[in-house]
Protein backbone atom coordinates (compact mmCIF):
# COMPACT_ATOMS: atom_id res chain seq x y z
CA MET A 1 -13.52 -18.98 -3.23
CA GLY A 2 -10.38 -20.53 -1.86
CA GLN A 3 -10.73 -23.26 0.41
CA ALA A 4 -9.37 -24.94 3.53
CA GLY A 5 -11.02 -28.50 4.07
CA GLY A 6 -14.13 -28.20 2.00
CA LEU A 7 -15.21 -24.92 4.07
CA PHE A 8 -13.60 -21.54 4.17
CA GLY A 9 -15.35 -19.99 7.48
CA VAL A 10 -15.66 -15.96 7.77
CA CYS A 11 -14.74 -14.88 11.28
CA SER A 12 -18.34 -13.45 11.78
CA GLY A 13 -19.07 -17.02 12.04
CA ILE A 14 -20.67 -17.81 8.53
CA ARG A 15 -19.32 -20.49 6.82
CA VAL A 16 -19.47 -20.84 3.11
CA GLN A 17 -18.88 -24.33 0.81
CA GLY A 18 -18.05 -23.31 -2.85
CA GLY A 19 -20.68 -20.40 -3.20
CA PHE A 20 -20.23 -16.69 -2.61
CA PRO A 21 -23.60 -15.35 -1.83
CA MET A 22 -24.17 -11.41 -2.84
CA LYS A 23 -24.96 -9.97 0.74
CA LEU A 24 -21.63 -11.74 1.47
CA SER A 25 -19.83 -9.99 -1.58
CA ILE A 26 -20.72 -6.51 -0.20
CA ARG A 27 -19.43 -7.60 2.71
CA TYR A 28 -15.90 -8.90 1.29
CA LEU A 29 -15.84 -6.03 -0.59
CA LEU A 30 -16.39 -3.20 1.94
CA ILE A 31 -13.54 -5.20 4.04
CA PHE A 32 -11.44 -4.97 1.29
CA PHE A 33 -12.00 -1.22 -0.03
CA ALA A 34 -11.55 -0.23 3.59
CA ALA A 35 -8.06 -2.61 3.90
CA ALA A 36 -7.11 -0.80 0.87
CA ILE A 37 -7.90 2.64 1.81
CA ALA A 38 -6.46 2.06 5.61
CA GLY A 39 -3.17 1.01 4.17
CA VAL A 40 -2.33 4.18 1.45
CA TYR A 41 -3.47 6.17 4.61
CA LEU A 42 -0.96 3.82 6.93
CA HIS A 43 1.90 5.32 4.27
CA GLU A 44 0.94 8.95 5.18
CA VAL A 45 0.99 8.24 8.65
CA GLY A 46 4.55 6.90 8.07
CA HIS A 47 5.89 10.11 6.50
CA ALA A 48 4.20 12.26 8.95
CA ALA A 49 5.37 9.78 11.75
CA VAL A 50 9.03 10.84 10.64
CA GLY A 51 8.74 14.25 10.15
CA TRP A 52 7.34 14.76 13.84
CA VAL A 53 10.04 13.11 15.06
CA ASN A 54 12.62 15.86 13.68
CA GLY A 55 10.39 18.29 14.60
CA ILE A 56 9.11 19.26 10.96
CA ALA A 57 5.07 19.71 10.84
CA VAL A 58 3.45 17.21 8.62
CA VAL A 59 -0.29 16.58 7.83
CA PRO A 60 -1.14 13.18 6.63
CA THR A 61 -4.39 12.99 4.39
CA PRO A 62 -5.77 9.42 2.83
CA ALA A 63 -3.53 9.67 0.11
CA LYS A 64 -0.71 12.38 0.46
CA GLU A 65 1.60 13.86 3.24
CA TYR A 66 1.88 18.07 3.28
CA VAL A 67 4.68 19.49 5.11
CA LEU A 68 3.75 23.06 6.44
CA GLN A 69 6.60 25.14 5.50
CA SER A 70 7.49 26.81 2.14
CA GLN A 71 11.10 24.84 2.13
CA LEU A 72 12.45 21.57 3.23
CA ALA A 73 16.49 20.70 3.19
CA TRP A 74 16.93 17.29 0.88
CA ASN A 75 18.79 15.37 4.20
CA LYS A 76 15.32 15.79 5.84
CA GLU A 77 13.24 14.99 2.74
CA ILE A 78 14.68 11.43 2.60
CA TRP A 79 13.84 10.76 6.12
CA ILE A 80 10.17 11.42 5.39
CA LYS A 81 9.89 9.50 2.23
CA LEU A 82 11.69 6.52 4.21
CA GLY A 83 8.65 6.83 6.90
CA GLY A 84 6.01 6.06 4.18
CA VAL A 85 8.03 3.22 2.89
CA LEU A 86 7.85 2.00 6.66
CA GLY A 87 4.27 2.35 7.07
CA THR A 88 3.44 0.27 3.91
CA THR A 89 5.96 -2.62 5.27
CA LEU A 90 4.13 -2.64 8.90
CA ALA A 91 0.57 -2.60 7.30
CA VAL A 92 1.35 -5.68 5.05
CA LEU A 93 3.16 -7.29 7.55
CA ALA A 94 0.36 -6.61 9.86
CA ALA A 95 -2.23 -8.11 7.87
CA GLY A 96 -0.48 -10.96 6.98
CA LEU A 97 0.23 -11.98 10.29
CA TYR A 98 -3.27 -11.18 11.25
CA PHE A 99 -4.46 -13.56 8.44
CA TRP A 100 -1.92 -16.17 8.67
CA ARG A 101 -3.23 -16.74 12.70
CA LYS A 102 -6.79 -17.60 11.28
CA PRO A 103 -7.58 -17.24 7.37
CA CYS A 104 -10.93 -16.34 6.95
CA LEU A 105 -12.73 -14.42 4.36
CA ASP A 106 -13.02 -11.10 6.07
CA ARG A 107 -9.59 -11.79 6.67
CA GLU A 108 -8.51 -12.64 3.51
CA ALA A 109 -9.72 -9.47 2.14
CA ILE A 110 -7.83 -7.25 5.08
CA LEU A 111 -4.65 -9.06 3.38
CA ALA A 112 -5.85 -7.66 -0.15
CA GLY A 113 -6.14 -4.65 0.58
CA ALA A 114 -3.31 -4.55 2.35
CA LEU A 115 -1.33 -6.19 -0.49
CA LEU A 116 -2.92 -3.71 -3.44
CA PRO A 117 -0.52 -0.96 -3.20
CA LEU A 118 2.20 -2.83 -3.38
CA GLY A 119 0.77 -5.08 -6.51
CA LEU A 120 -0.02 -0.92 -7.97
CA TYR A 121 3.69 -0.08 -6.98
CA THR A 122 5.02 -2.94 -9.02
CA LEU A 123 2.91 -2.35 -11.89
CA ARG A 124 3.71 1.09 -12.14
CA PHE A 125 7.52 -0.19 -11.89
CA LEU A 126 6.71 -2.60 -14.51
CA LEU A 127 5.49 0.14 -16.91
CA VAL A 128 6.89 3.29 -16.10
CA GLY A 129 10.43 2.04 -14.48
CA ARG A 130 9.83 3.65 -11.51
CA GLY A 131 6.97 2.50 -8.66
CA HIS A 132 6.29 5.95 -7.36
CA ASP A 133 6.18 9.08 -8.94
CA ALA A 134 8.58 11.42 -8.29
CA THR A 135 11.56 10.71 -6.64
CA GLU A 136 9.92 9.00 -3.43
CA TRP A 137 11.61 5.77 -3.76
CA GLN A 138 14.88 7.46 -4.80
CA ALA A 139 15.31 9.64 -1.33
CA ALA A 140 13.94 6.64 0.53
CA GLN A 141 17.01 4.76 -0.86
CA THR A 142 19.16 7.47 -0.13
CA ALA A 143 18.07 7.31 3.47
CA LEU A 144 19.03 3.73 3.64
CA GLY A 145 22.52 4.74 1.96
CA LEU A 146 21.57 2.73 -1.51
CA PRO A 147 22.58 4.11 -4.62
CA PRO A 148 19.12 6.18 -5.13
CA ALA A 149 19.47 4.96 -9.05
CA GLY A 150 18.55 1.62 -8.21
CA HIS A 151 15.85 0.00 -7.78
CA ALA A 152 15.90 -1.99 -3.85
CA ILE A 153 12.44 -0.71 -2.84
CA ASP A 154 10.82 -1.75 -6.22
CA VAL A 155 12.18 -5.35 -5.69
CA PHE A 156 11.83 -5.31 -1.84
CA PHE A 157 8.25 -3.92 -2.28
CA PHE A 158 7.60 -6.92 -5.16
CA CYS A 159 9.12 -9.58 -2.43
CA LEU A 160 6.90 -8.67 -0.21
CA LEU A 161 3.85 -8.86 -2.87
CA VAL A 162 4.63 -12.58 -3.67
CA ALA A 163 5.52 -13.32 -0.21
CA GLY A 164 1.52 -11.97 0.98
CA PHE A 165 0.34 -14.71 -2.16
CA LEU A 166 2.56 -17.27 -0.60
CA VAL A 167 1.02 -16.78 2.44
CA TRP A 168 -2.13 -17.00 1.21
CA GLY A 169 -1.33 -20.07 -0.78
CA ILE A 170 0.21 -21.88 1.86
CA ARG A 171 -3.09 -20.92 4.17
CA LEU A 172 -5.99 -21.88 2.02
CA HIS A 173 -4.26 -24.05 -0.62
CA PRO A 174 -7.02 -22.18 -3.00
CA ARG A 175 -8.72 -23.22 -5.96
CA PRO A 176 -7.01 -21.91 -9.36
CA SER A 177 -10.80 -20.55 -10.13
CA SER A 178 -9.90 -17.91 -6.90
CA LEU A 179 -7.20 -16.14 -9.19
CA LEU A 180 -9.92 -15.01 -11.10
CA ARG A 181 -11.43 -13.37 -8.10
CA ILE A 182 -7.92 -11.48 -7.11
CA VAL A 183 -8.01 -10.29 -10.61
CA ILE A 184 -11.46 -8.76 -10.45
CA LEU A 185 -9.96 -7.13 -7.18
CA GLY A 186 -6.93 -5.75 -8.58
CA ILE A 187 -8.62 -3.99 -11.17
CA ALA A 188 -11.31 -2.57 -8.64
CA GLY A 189 -8.92 -1.77 -5.88
CA ILE A 190 -6.77 -0.42 -8.59
CA VAL A 191 -9.56 2.19 -9.75
CA LEU A 192 -10.22 2.93 -5.96
CA LEU A 193 -6.52 4.29 -5.43
CA VAL A 194 -6.81 6.78 -8.65
CA VAL A 195 -10.03 8.11 -7.61
CA LEU A 196 -8.62 8.42 -4.09
CA GLN A 197 -5.54 9.81 -5.27
CA VAL A 198 -7.09 12.35 -7.53
CA GLY A 199 -10.04 13.44 -5.33
CA ASN A 200 -7.37 14.13 -2.42
CA ASN A 201 -5.26 15.88 -4.72
CA ALA A 202 -8.70 18.05 -5.51
CA VAL A 203 -9.72 18.87 -2.17
CA PHE A 204 -6.37 19.04 -0.04
CA ASP A 205 -4.10 20.90 -2.57
CA ARG A 206 -5.95 23.88 -2.42
CA MET A 207 -5.33 23.82 1.25
CA PHE A 208 -1.38 23.77 1.89
CA PRO A 209 1.32 25.17 0.40
CA VAL A 210 3.96 23.94 -2.23
CA VAL A 211 6.87 22.99 -0.92
CA LYS A 212 10.17 23.42 -2.32
CA VAL A 213 13.05 20.88 -1.33
CA VAL A 214 16.39 22.61 -1.69
CA ASN A 215 19.81 20.97 -2.15
CA VAL A 216 18.40 18.25 -4.37
CA PRO A 217 21.33 16.03 -5.69
CA ALA A 218 21.42 16.15 -9.49
CA GLY A 219 20.66 13.30 -11.96
CA LEU A 220 17.65 12.29 -10.36
CA ASP A 221 15.02 10.68 -12.20
CA PRO A 222 11.25 12.06 -11.20
CA ARG A 223 9.45 9.84 -13.39
């Protein structure tokens, strides 16, 4: 585990030296998975909240937002998509501040869970060329007055991911062996999010209408 003065305290009061007991491992993983799922849901709530402000009925489910109308104008769509970016950003900033104030195992798990979607976006960007499928980032960039074909949000989330790791490193001075734990968490977390997305779509896609976005500008790249 990461060390702080030879001891790394768990916020519940347990303290660990060097080892990582099985009971504590289960607790850590559960917190990590819960934080990751909560982070994804806050992304969807961000979408929905902007829709609500604009008088559009939107339902946030654990891994997808659903607009309750058959058509949606592009000039409305862009703001709903920007809401997801804001939701994710706020979730990461809150987790980072929470960890910074009192670094411990529980809070490290929360920070790692909050950073997981950023890691997945960055990985997808490196492999596919877009951090998010369809045209979500391009819509959000349009709302910000940025070129939709650019990668401003991909770069922003990568920088936010790096900042999260810097917060973790500065506050804990982790051993090199801690990086292995992060890699294992990342792999497990990606599997979790893929299962969450597939399961969410299987359950909710049949319950809500398919929305047609109209007046979409030409030249977008839905990868």
